[in-house]
Structure formats: structure tokens, C-alpha cells
Amino acid sequence: MTELHSLSMESLLEELTLKFYQLKQYLDSEINRNKDKSYLQNYLSFQYFPFFDYTDSIINLYKKANYNAATVLLRTLVEAHMYVNYFQIGDWKHKLSVLAKEGFDIKLKTVKALGEMIDKYPNLISNNPDSLLSKETIDELVTLNEKRRSDVIIANNLSPNEKVPGLFDVARECDEANIRGSVPGQFQQMYNLEYRYISPLAHLNLEGLHSLIDRDEKGDFVLSKFKNHKVLISESIEICVALTKDLFENKVIESEVPKIISEIEELCKKYLAY
């Protein structure tokens, strides 16, 4: 019997989380060494911090049995993971420029909505020129973001109406691209069985509220908890491992791929199979 096979479930969890933090410590020391990065390299390196921070939070929430909150964070990771893969296939320069333009689209929509709001409700107007609810600030933000949006469109020869596709289309494109290490239908399965399944809980709509409520043996309403607890840890860590591989694959980190990556993958398999 190997050492991994002989570990209890609790010991596997401790070993898995320990390896995760060791990987995080290693990446923290390596991630900023390559200062001259491409747009894709910058995008991937920026994703590193929230991916590992959210997974750290999931681990802490899991250990406190706060499974519902941890599940909502997992949904965000699943979504981000699919987009990270999408932006690496095909013309990533064009895709990332569309993403940048869409960011300014959202900012413009937000500040213009604020302007319409204070026009309708003058009592909300601030006389402080540094306040977000002052006419001066809103006008400045509209002008600034319109210019930046225009610069991105012109520099990258974009159509003003181009948008990043929705998550289902992203999942389908990732499956069609046969991404290294994936199996057929993996991303659409992730979209349907994880992202969509968790979405009501994240939004706390009627369906989400129903998923939170259960009855005990007395018939009283009680708080229900996400049943498949093991997925929270293994899935979030596996998503971080996938991003780590992307960091090495795209030369964001140019050192040798550490052995700890394969060790974590093996522990995840053992943990899920326990």
C-alpha cells in the first residue's frame, strides 16, 4: 500500500491544502520576475492572484463548514477558468482587445446611469467635486472613458459593437478547440453541472432560496448546506493548478515546472475517490 493510499480522508485534505499553500508560496516568489510581458502573459499573471485568493477563502470556509458561501466562490472560479481558456485559443490579441473595449463599455454605461440618476433626483447631487455623485466627476469620467474606448477600437481595428461571448458560447468554443489536457465536452459539462447549478444560490433568487431551506425530522425549516462538500476543495485547487500550468506554458514563469503540480493532481484524485 502506497503512502497516499494509506492516508485517511482528513489526512488527505490536510496534505492537499498544505501542498496548495506550498505551490502558492512558490508562485508568489516567481510571478513578477518576467517584467516584459505580452498582453496574454499579463492577463494570466493578473488572474493568478484572485484564483489563489478565492481558493484560500474556499478552504477556510470549508473548514468552518460554511459550504454555501464557499460554493458561491467556486462558481466565480469556474466562470473565470473557462474564460481564461477561451482567451488562449485562436486570436488572443483580438479577444483581449475586445475584452478591454467591453470594460470601457461597462464603465461608460455605469457613469452615464449615475448622470441620469442625479438628473432625475437632484437631492442626490454632491457639491464635493471629488465625489462620484458630482456632475463634474461624472462628466470627466464619461469623457475619459469615451476616449479610452475609442483608442482601443482604433488601435485594434475593432467593431464598436464587438463583445466577448457569453459563458455558454465560451464553453462550446473551448470544447471545440480540444484544449490540452481536457476531455470532450468538459467545458460544457462544467457550465451545465457546476456554473448553472450553483447560479441560483449565488443570486439568492427563489430557486436559490429553496436550495437553502430544508426540513428536519420535526418538520421545522432549517438551513440546508451544499451536499457535495469534497468538490469545493478539489475543484478549486484543480482550477488553480490548471492556471499554474498556463503560466508555465505561456512563459509567464520561465523556471522549471515544479514537481508539486503533479503531486497535487494525484492528491486531488485520491481525495475525490475516497
C-alpha atoms as a PDB file:
ATOM      1  CA  MET A   1       0.000   0.000   0.000  1.00  0.00           C
ATOM      2  CA  THR A   2       1.408   3.404  -1.006  1.00  0.00           C
ATOM      3  CA  GLU A   3       1.620   6.353   1.329  1.00  0.00           C
ATOM      4  CA  LEU A   4      -1.212   8.152  -0.491  1.00  0.00           C
ATOM      5  CA  HIS A   5      -3.492   5.118  -0.307  1.00  0.00           C
ATOM      6  CA  SER A   6      -2.886   4.762   3.417  1.00  0.00           C
ATOM      7  CA  LEU A   7      -3.908   8.347   4.255  1.00  0.00           C
ATOM      8  CA  SER A   8      -7.302   8.965   5.877  1.00  0.00           C
ATOM      9  CA  MET A   9      -9.701  11.416   4.265  1.00  0.00           C
ATOM     10  CA  GLU A  10      -8.840  14.052   6.873  1.00  0.00           C
ATOM     11  CA  SER A  11      -5.124  13.497   6.318  1.00  0.00           C
ATOM     12  CA  LEU A  12      -5.616  13.726   2.550  1.00  0.00           C
ATOM     13  CA  LEU A  13      -7.396  17.042   2.984  1.00  0.00           C
ATOM     14  CA  GLU A  14      -4.603  18.392   5.178  1.00  0.00           C
ATOM     15  CA  GLU A  15      -1.930  17.173   2.769  1.00  0.00           C
ATOM     16  CA  LEU A  16      -3.784  18.606  -0.227  1.00  0.00           C
ATOM     17  CA  THR A  17      -4.249  22.027   1.322  1.00  0.00           C
ATOM     18  CA  LEU A  18      -0.645  22.044   2.546  1.00  0.00           C
ATOM     19  CA  LYS A  19       0.596  21.343  -0.987  1.00  0.00           C
ATOM     20  CA  PHE A  20      -1.679  24.103  -2.297  1.00  0.00           C
ATOM     21  CA  TYR A  21      -0.123  26.657   0.054  1.00  0.00           C
ATOM     22  CA  GLN A  22       3.358  25.448  -0.847  1.00  0.00           C
ATOM     23  CA  LEU A  23       2.538  25.982  -4.522  1.00  0.00           C
ATOM     24  CA  LYS A  24       1.141  29.426  -3.756  1.00  0.00           C
ATOM     25  CA  GLN A  25       4.296  30.359  -1.837  1.00  0.00           C
ATOM     26  CA  TYR A  26       6.444  29.206  -4.751  1.00  0.00           C
ATOM     27  CA  LEU A  27       4.414  31.172  -7.313  1.00  0.00           C
ATOM     28  CA  ASP A  28       4.420  34.282  -5.132  1.00  0.00           C
ATOM     29  CA  SER A  29       8.202  34.298  -5.404  1.00  0.00           C
ATOM     30  CA  GLU A  30       8.226  33.709  -9.177  1.00  0.00           C
ATOM     31  CA  ILE A  31       5.237  35.525 -10.670  1.00  0.00           C
ATOM     32  CA  ASN A  32       6.755  39.018 -11.059  1.00  0.00           C
ATOM     33  CA  ARG A  33      10.222  38.095 -12.320  1.00  0.00           C
ATOM     34  CA  ASN A  34       9.390  38.442 -16.006  1.00  0.00           C
ATOM     35  CA  LYS A  35       8.666  42.162 -16.246  1.00  0.00           C
ATOM     36  CA  ASP A  36       8.421  42.400 -20.036  1.00  0.00           C
ATOM     37  CA  LYS A  37       5.176  40.550 -20.685  1.00  0.00           C
ATOM     38  CA  SER A  38       2.730  40.292 -23.578  1.00  0.00           C
ATOM     39  CA  TYR A  39      -0.946  41.167 -23.074  1.00  0.00           C
ATOM     40  CA  LEU A  40      -1.761  37.482 -22.670  1.00  0.00           C
ATOM     41  CA  GLN A  41       1.031  36.991 -20.137  1.00  0.00           C
ATOM     42  CA  ASN A  42      -0.193  39.997 -18.159  1.00  0.00           C
ATOM     43  CA  TYR A  43      -3.768  38.724 -18.281  1.00  0.00           C
ATOM     44  CA  LEU A  44      -2.728  35.314 -16.939  1.00  0.00           C
ATOM     45  CA  SER A  45      -0.467  36.736 -14.247  1.00  0.00           C
ATOM     46  CA  PHE A  46      -3.243  39.076 -13.046  1.00  0.00           C
ATOM     47  CA  GLN A  47      -5.613  36.103 -12.823  1.00  0.00           C
ATOM     48  CA  TYR A  48      -3.194  34.288 -10.527  1.00  0.00           C
ATOM     49  CA  PHE A  49      -3.910  36.481  -7.513  1.00  0.00           C
ATOM     50  CA  PRO A  50      -7.744  36.188  -7.372  1.00  0.00           C
ATOM     51  CA  PHE A  51      -7.654  32.483  -8.299  1.00  0.00           C
ATOM     52  CA  PHE A  52      -5.429  31.585  -5.382  1.00  0.00           C
ATOM     53  CA  ASP A  53      -7.047  34.114  -3.039  1.00  0.00           C
ATOM     54  CA  TYR A  54     -10.547  32.747  -3.722  1.00  0.00           C
ATOM     55  CA  THR A  55      -9.316  29.177  -3.274  1.00  0.00           C
ATOM     56  CA  ASP A  56      -7.705  30.142   0.027  1.00  0.00           C
ATOM     57  CA  SER A  57     -11.090  31.543   1.095  1.00  0.00           C
ATOM     58  CA  ILE A  58     -12.893  28.382  -0.054  1.00  0.00           C
ATOM     59  CA  ILE A  59     -10.531  26.251   2.029  1.00  0.00           C
ATOM     60  CA  ASN A  60     -11.116  28.404   5.129  1.00  0.00           C
ATOM     61  CA  LEU A  61     -14.894  28.440   4.646  1.00  0.00           C
ATOM     62  CA  TYR A  62     -14.894  24.681   4.089  1.00  0.00           C
ATOM     63  CA  LYS A  63     -13.036  24.054   7.330  1.00  0.00           C
ATOM     64  CA  LYS A  64     -15.662  26.131   9.155  1.00  0.00           C
ATOM     65  CA  ALA A  65     -18.455  24.171   7.410  1.00  0.00           C
ATOM     66  CA  ASN A  66     -19.627  27.339   5.599  1.00  0.00           C
ATOM     67  CA  TYR A  67     -20.247  25.311   2.456  1.00  0.00           C
ATOM     68  CA  ASN A  68     -22.836  27.584   0.844  1.00  0.00           C
ATOM     69  CA  ALA A  69     -20.567  30.639   0.844  1.00  0.00           C
ATOM     70  CA  ALA A  70     -17.667  28.511  -0.398  1.00  0.00           C
ATOM     71  CA  THR A  71     -19.875  27.211  -3.212  1.00  0.00           C
ATOM     72  CA  VAL A  72     -20.627  30.731  -4.431  1.00  0.00           C
ATOM     73  CA  LEU A  73     -16.898  31.457  -4.627  1.00  0.00           C
ATOM     74  CA  LEU A  74     -16.396  28.225  -6.569  1.00  0.00           C
ATOM     75  CA  ARG A  75     -18.924  29.439  -9.151  1.00  0.00           C
ATOM     76  CA  THR A  76     -16.795  32.546  -9.743  1.00  0.00           C
ATOM     77  CA  LEU A  77     -13.694  30.399 -10.171  1.00  0.00           C
ATOM     78  CA  VAL A  78     -15.458  28.085 -12.641  1.00  0.00           C
ATOM     79  CA  GLU A  79     -16.540  31.067 -14.744  1.00  0.00           C
ATOM     80  CA  ALA A  80     -13.089  32.663 -14.685  1.00  0.00           C
ATOM     81  CA  HIS A  81     -11.434  29.326 -15.507  1.00  0.00           C
ATOM     82  CA  MET A  82     -13.499  28.951 -18.678  1.00  0.00           C
ATOM     83  CA  TYR A  83     -12.732  32.493 -19.813  1.00  0.00           C
ATOM     84  CA  VAL A  84      -9.007  32.007 -19.137  1.00  0.00           C
ATOM     85  CA  ASN A  85      -9.042  29.033 -21.509  1.00  0.00           C
ATOM     86  CA  TYR A  86     -11.135  30.889 -24.076  1.00  0.00           C
ATOM     87  CA  PHE A  87      -8.690  33.800 -24.258  1.00  0.00           C
ATOM     88  CA  GLN A  88      -5.787  31.465 -25.001  1.00  0.00           C
ATOM     89  CA  ILE A  89      -7.272  29.884 -28.134  1.00  0.00           C
ATOM     90  CA  GLY A  90      -7.350  31.479 -31.561  1.00  0.00           C
ATOM     91  CA  ASP A  91      -6.503  35.160 -31.945  1.00  0.00           C
ATOM     92  CA  TRP A  92      -5.916  36.013 -28.292  1.00  0.00           C
ATOM     93  CA  LYS A  93      -4.750  39.551 -29.119  1.00  0.00           C
ATOM     94  CA  HIS A  94      -8.072  40.328 -30.764  1.00  0.00           C
ATOM     95  CA  LYS A  95     -10.059  38.662 -27.978  1.00  0.00           C
ATOM     96  CA  LEU A  96      -8.266  40.557 -25.235  1.00  0.00           C
ATOM     97  CA  SER A  97      -8.710  43.859 -27.075  1.00  0.00           C
ATOM     98  CA  VAL A  98     -12.461  43.162 -27.258  1.00  0.00           C
ATOM     99  CA  LEU A  99     -12.360  42.451 -23.524  1.00  0.00           C
ATOM    100  CA  ALA A 100     -10.650  45.795 -22.913  1.00  0.00           C
ATOM    101  CA  LYS A 101     -13.220  47.624 -25.044  1.00  0.00           C
ATOM    102  CA  GLU A 102     -16.062  45.885 -23.234  1.00  0.00           C
ATOM    103  CA  GLY A 103     -14.589  47.043 -19.938  1.00  0.00           C
ATOM    104  CA  PHE A 104     -14.911  50.640 -21.076  1.00  0.00           C
ATOM    105  CA  ASP A 105     -18.431  49.908 -22.396  1.00  0.00           C
ATOM    106  CA  ILE A 106     -19.427  48.841 -18.872  1.00  0.00           C
ATOM    107  CA  LYS A 107     -17.741  51.827 -17.224  1.00  0.00           C
ATOM    108  CA  LEU A 108     -19.471  54.220 -19.612  1.00  0.00           C
ATOM    109  CA  LYS A 109     -22.837  52.608 -19.021  1.00  0.00           C
ATOM    110  CA  THR A 110     -22.320  52.905 -15.264  1.00  0.00           C
ATOM    111  CA  VAL A 111     -21.279  56.565 -15.150  1.00  0.00           C
ATOM    112  CA  LYS A 112     -23.961  57.596 -17.650  1.00  0.00           C
ATOM    113  CA  ALA A 113     -26.558  55.844 -15.490  1.00  0.00           C
ATOM    114  CA  LEU A 114     -25.275  57.838 -12.500  1.00  0.00           C
ATOM    115  CA  GLY A 115     -25.682  61.020 -14.514  1.00  0.00           C
ATOM    116  CA  GLU A 116     -29.259  60.125 -15.425  1.00  0.00           C
ATOM    117  CA  MET A 117     -29.950  59.278 -11.784  1.00  0.00           C
ATOM    118  CA  ILE A 118     -28.814  62.625 -10.358  1.00  0.00           C
ATOM    119  CA  ASP A 119     -30.675  64.466 -13.144  1.00  0.00           C
ATOM    120  CA  LYS A 120     -33.848  62.705 -12.027  1.00  0.00           C
ATOM    121  CA  TYR A 121     -33.099  63.011  -8.297  1.00  0.00           C
ATOM    122  CA  PRO A 122     -31.253  66.320  -7.727  1.00  0.00           C
ATOM    123  CA  ASN A 123     -31.249  65.668  -3.985  1.00  0.00           C
ATOM    124  CA  LEU A 124     -28.553  63.037  -4.598  1.00  0.00           C
ATOM    125  CA  ILE A 125     -26.140  65.517  -6.228  1.00  0.00           C
ATOM    126  CA  SER A 126     -22.943  66.119  -4.276  1.00  0.00           C
ATOM    127  CA  ASN A 127     -21.285  69.537  -4.164  1.00  0.00           C
ATOM    128  CA  ASN A 128     -17.944  67.881  -3.499  1.00  0.00           C
ATOM    129  CA  PRO A 129     -16.123  67.897  -6.882  1.00  0.00           C
ATOM    130  CA  ASP A 130     -14.275  64.709  -5.876  1.00  0.00           C
ATOM    131  CA  SER A 131     -17.477  62.793  -5.171  1.00  0.00           C
ATOM    132  CA  LEU A 132     -18.718  60.202  -7.655  1.00  0.00           C
ATOM    133  CA  LEU A 133     -22.154  61.885  -7.458  1.00  0.00           C
ATOM    134  CA  SER A 134     -20.956  65.307  -8.567  1.00  0.00           C
ATOM    135  CA  LYS A 135     -21.773  66.469 -12.080  1.00  0.00           C
ATOM    136  CA  GLU A 136     -18.123  67.440 -12.635  1.00  0.00           C
ATOM    137  CA  THR A 137     -16.807  63.987 -11.772  1.00  0.00           C
ATOM    138  CA  ILE A 138     -19.409  62.200 -13.887  1.00  0.00           C
ATOM    139  CA  ASP A 139     -18.725  64.424 -16.904  1.00  0.00           C
ATOM    140  CA  GLU A 140     -14.979  63.859 -16.535  1.00  0.00           C
ATOM    141  CA  LEU A 141     -15.418  60.096 -16.288  1.00  0.00           C
ATOM    142  CA  VAL A 142     -17.648  59.994 -19.367  1.00  0.00           C
ATOM    143  CA  THR A 143     -15.095  61.964 -21.400  1.00  0.00           C
ATOM    144  CA  LEU A 144     -12.144  59.892 -20.137  1.00  0.00           C
ATOM    145  CA  ASN A 145     -13.759  56.513 -20.777  1.00  0.00           C
ATOM    146  CA  GLU A 146     -15.104  57.510 -24.182  1.00  0.00           C
ATOM    147  CA  LYS A 147     -11.571  58.486 -25.241  1.00  0.00           C
ATOM    148  CA  ARG A 148     -10.024  55.296 -23.874  1.00  0.00           C
ATOM    149  CA  ARG A 149     -12.713  53.176 -25.512  1.00  0.00           C
ATOM    150  CA  SER A 150     -12.141  54.964 -28.836  1.00  0.00           C
ATOM    151  CA  ASP A 151      -8.365  54.471 -28.551  1.00  0.00           C
ATOM    152  CA  VAL A 152      -8.797  50.712 -28.040  1.00  0.00           C
ATOM    153  CA  ILE A 153     -11.174  50.434 -31.011  1.00  0.00           C
ATOM    154  CA  ILE A 154      -8.882  52.367 -33.348  1.00  0.00           C
ATOM    155  CA  ALA A 155      -5.630  50.721 -32.211  1.00  0.00           C
ATOM    156  CA  ASN A 156      -7.043  47.205 -32.607  1.00  0.00           C
ATOM    157  CA  ASN A 157      -9.323  47.775 -35.614  1.00  0.00           C
ATOM    158  CA  LEU A 158     -12.422  46.672 -33.699  1.00  0.00           C
ATOM    159  CA  SER A 159     -16.089  46.997 -34.463  1.00  0.00           C
ATOM    160  CA  PRO A 160     -17.756  49.226 -31.841  1.00  0.00           C
ATOM    161  CA  ASN A 161     -20.375  46.514 -31.285  1.00  0.00           C
ATOM    162  CA  GLU A 162     -17.992  43.592 -30.707  1.00  0.00           C
ATOM    163  CA  LYS A 163     -18.468  41.800 -27.386  1.00  0.00           C
ATOM    164  CA  VAL A 164     -16.938  38.911 -25.509  1.00  0.00           C
ATOM    165  CA  PRO A 165     -19.332  35.943 -25.941  1.00  0.00           C
ATOM    166  CA  GLY A 166     -21.477  34.623 -23.130  1.00  0.00           C
ATOM    167  CA  LEU A 167     -20.247  31.773 -20.981  1.00  0.00           C
ATOM    168  CA  PHE A 168     -22.142  29.005 -22.784  1.00  0.00           C
ATOM    169  CA  ASP A 169     -20.603  30.020 -26.123  1.00  0.00           C
ATOM    170  CA  VAL A 170     -17.216  30.225 -24.427  1.00  0.00           C
ATOM    171  CA  ALA A 171     -17.650  26.674 -23.083  1.00  0.00           C
ATOM    172  CA  ARG A 172     -18.632  25.403 -26.530  1.00  0.00           C
ATOM    173  CA  GLU A 173     -15.657  27.084 -28.203  1.00  0.00           C
ATOM    174  CA  CYS A 174     -13.275  25.655 -25.596  1.00  0.00           C
ATOM    175  CA  ASP A 175     -14.626  22.139 -26.226  1.00  0.00           C
ATOM    176  CA  GLU A 176     -14.310  22.552 -29.975  1.00  0.00           C
ATOM    177  CA  ALA A 177     -10.692  23.668 -29.567  1.00  0.00           C
ATOM    178  CA  ASN A 178      -9.710  20.373 -27.883  1.00  0.00           C
ATOM    179  CA  ILE A 179      -7.665  22.199 -25.260  1.00  0.00           C
ATOM    180  CA  ARG A 180      -4.629  20.315 -23.986  1.00  0.00           C
ATOM    181  CA  GLY A 181      -5.472  18.131 -21.013  1.00  0.00           C
ATOM    182  CA  SER A 182      -9.252  18.403 -21.438  1.00  0.00           C
ATOM    183  CA  VAL A 183     -11.718  15.677 -22.395  1.00  0.00           C
ATOM    184  CA  PRO A 184     -14.532  16.054 -24.976  1.00  0.00           C
ATOM    185  CA  GLY A 185     -17.430  18.093 -23.574  1.00  0.00           C
ATOM    186  CA  GLN A 186     -15.559  19.020 -20.388  1.00  0.00           C
ATOM    187  CA  PHE A 187     -16.304  22.737 -20.511  1.00  0.00           C
ATOM    188  CA  GLN A 188     -19.981  22.383 -21.395  1.00  0.00           C
ATOM    189  CA  GLN A 189     -20.299  19.872 -18.564  1.00  0.00           C
ATOM    190  CA  MET A 190     -18.663  22.389 -16.241  1.00  0.00           C
ATOM    191  CA  TYR A 191     -21.080  25.065 -17.451  1.00  0.00           C
ATOM    192  CA  ASN A 192     -24.207  22.941 -17.025  1.00  0.00           C
ATOM    193  CA  LEU A 193     -23.377  20.892 -13.924  1.00  0.00           C
ATOM    194  CA  GLU A 194     -21.421  23.477 -11.945  1.00  0.00           C
ATOM    195  CA  TYR A 195     -21.923  27.058 -13.083  1.00  0.00           C
ATOM    196  CA  ARG A 196     -25.646  26.845 -13.835  1.00  0.00           C
ATOM    197  CA  TYR A 197     -26.325  24.542 -10.895  1.00  0.00           C
ATOM    198  CA  ILE A 198     -24.699  26.970  -8.443  1.00  0.00           C
ATOM    199  CA  SER A 199     -26.078  30.176 -10.021  1.00  0.00           C
ATOM    200  CA  PRO A 200     -29.411  30.285  -8.106  1.00  0.00           C
ATOM    201  CA  LEU A 201     -27.533  30.015  -4.812  1.00  0.00           C
ATOM    202  CA  ALA A 202     -25.222  32.862  -5.879  1.00  0.00           C
ATOM    203  CA  HIS A 203     -28.143  35.133  -6.783  1.00  0.00           C
ATOM    204  CA  LEU A 204     -30.402  34.088  -3.880  1.00  0.00           C
ATOM    205  CA  ASN A 205     -33.419  34.147  -6.196  1.00  0.00           C
ATOM    206  CA  LEU A 206     -36.461  31.970  -5.434  1.00  0.00           C
ATOM    207  CA  GLU A 207     -34.770  28.806  -6.660  1.00  0.00           C
ATOM    208  CA  GLY A 208     -31.651  29.711  -4.696  1.00  0.00           C
ATOM    209  CA  LEU A 209     -33.658  30.266  -1.526  1.00  0.00           C
ATOM    210  CA  HIS A 210     -35.330  26.883  -1.995  1.00  0.00           C
ATOM    211  CA  SER A 211     -31.902  25.242  -2.206  1.00  0.00           C
ATOM    212  CA  LEU A 212     -31.014  26.789   1.151  1.00  0.00           C
ATOM    213  CA  ILE A 213     -34.061  25.536   3.006  1.00  0.00           C
ATOM    214  CA  ASP A 214     -34.715  22.006   4.246  1.00  0.00           C
ATOM    215  CA  ARG A 215     -36.888  20.350   6.898  1.00  0.00           C
ATOM    216  CA  ASP A 216     -35.646  18.459   9.916  1.00  0.00           C
ATOM    217  CA  GLU A 217     -37.243  15.358  11.429  1.00  0.00           C
ATOM    218  CA  LYS A 218     -39.726  17.582  13.311  1.00  0.00           C
ATOM    219  CA  GLY A 219     -40.845  19.282  10.104  1.00  0.00           C
ATOM    220  CA  ASP A 220     -39.214  22.593  11.041  1.00  0.00           C
ATOM    221  CA  PHE A 221     -37.448  24.647   8.376  1.00  0.00           C
ATOM    222  CA  VAL A 222     -33.652  24.593   8.707  1.00  0.00           C
ATOM    223  CA  LEU A 223     -30.698  25.893   6.724  1.00  0.00           C
ATOM    224  CA  SER A 224     -29.588  23.379   4.111  1.00  0.00           C
ATOM    225  CA  LYS A 225     -25.952  23.044   3.052  1.00  0.00           C
ATOM    226  CA  PHE A 226     -24.287  22.157  -0.223  1.00  0.00           C
ATOM    227  CA  LYS A 227     -24.131  18.374  -0.222  1.00  0.00           C
ATOM    228  CA  ASN A 228     -21.085  17.545  -2.336  1.00  0.00           C
ATOM    229  CA  HIS A 229     -18.543  19.101   0.022  1.00  0.00           C
ATOM    230  CA  LYS A 230     -15.476  17.373  -1.415  1.00  0.00           C
ATOM    231  CA  VAL A 231     -15.904  19.088  -4.780  1.00  0.00           C
ATOM    232  CA  LEU A 232     -15.330  22.501  -3.189  1.00  0.00           C
ATOM    233  CA  ILE A 233     -11.734  21.773  -2.247  1.00  0.00           C
ATOM    234  CA  SER A 234     -10.677  19.554  -5.134  1.00  0.00           C
ATOM    235  CA  GLU A 235     -12.304  21.628  -7.896  1.00  0.00           C
ATOM    236  CA  SER A 236     -10.978  24.979  -6.690  1.00  0.00           C
ATOM    237  CA  ILE A 237      -7.443  23.623  -6.268  1.00  0.00           C
ATOM    238  CA  GLU A 238      -7.576  21.866  -9.659  1.00  0.00           C
ATOM    239  CA  ILE A 239      -8.593  25.167 -11.271  1.00  0.00           C
ATOM    240  CA  CYS A 240      -5.564  26.824  -9.666  1.00  0.00           C
ATOM    241  CA  VAL A 241      -3.340  24.018 -10.936  1.00  0.00           C
ATOM    242  CA  ALA A 242      -4.718  24.492 -14.460  1.00  0.00           C
ATOM    243  CA  LEU A 243      -3.890  28.210 -14.303  1.00  0.00           C
ATOM    244  CA  THR A 244      -0.426  27.382 -12.972  1.00  0.00           C
ATOM    245  CA  LYS A 245       0.204  25.178 -15.998  1.00  0.00           C
ATOM    246  CA  ASP A 246      -0.902  28.061 -18.234  1.00  0.00           C
ATOM    247  CA  LEU A 247       1.623  30.342 -16.500  1.00  0.00           C
ATOM    248  CA  PHE A 248       4.432  27.941 -17.404  1.00  0.00           C
ATOM    249  CA  GLU A 249       3.057  27.110 -20.863  1.00  0.00           C
ATOM    250  CA  ASN A 250       2.922  30.808 -21.809  1.00  0.00           C
ATOM    251  CA  LYS A 251       6.310  31.640 -20.270  1.00  0.00           C
ATOM    252  CA  VAL A 252       4.889  33.914 -17.600  1.00  0.00           C
ATOM    253  CA  ILE A 253       7.167  31.902 -15.334  1.00  0.00           C
ATOM    254  CA  GLU A 254      10.258  30.602 -17.089  1.00  0.00           C
ATOM    255  CA  SER A 255      11.669  28.345 -14.398  1.00  0.00           C
ATOM    256  CA  GLU A 256      11.314  24.561 -14.483  1.00  0.00           C
ATOM    257  CA  VAL A 257       7.807  23.217 -13.811  1.00  0.00           C
ATOM    258  CA  PRO A 258       7.813  22.125 -10.141  1.00  0.00           C
ATOM    259  CA  LYS A 259       7.059  18.541  -9.164  1.00  0.00           C
ATOM    260  CA  ILE A 260       4.453  19.742  -6.681  1.00  0.00           C
ATOM    261  CA  ILE A 261       1.942  20.247  -9.513  1.00  0.00           C
ATOM    262  CA  SER A 262       1.740  16.522 -10.292  1.00  0.00           C
ATOM    263  CA  GLU A 263       1.695  15.764  -6.555  1.00  0.00           C
ATOM    264  CA  ILE A 264      -1.359  17.984  -6.095  1.00  0.00           C
ATOM    265  CA  GLU A 265      -3.119  16.377  -9.064  1.00  0.00           C
ATOM    266  CA  GLU A 266      -2.539  12.928  -7.597  1.00  0.00           C
ATOM    267  CA  LEU A 267      -3.829  14.027  -4.186  1.00  0.00           C
ATOM    268  CA  CYS A 268      -6.972  15.501  -5.786  1.00  0.00           C
ATOM    269  CA  LYS A 269      -7.711  12.167  -7.464  1.00  0.00           C
ATOM    270  CA  LYS A 270      -7.235  10.287  -4.185  1.00  0.00           C
ATOM    271  CA  TYR A 271      -9.341  12.781  -2.266  1.00  0.00           C
ATOM    272  CA  LEU A 272     -12.276  12.593  -4.681  1.00  0.00           C
ATOM    273  CA  ALA A 273     -12.100   8.816  -4.860  1.00  0.00           C
ATOM    274  CA  TYR A 274     -12.083   8.373  -1.085  1.00  0.00           C
END
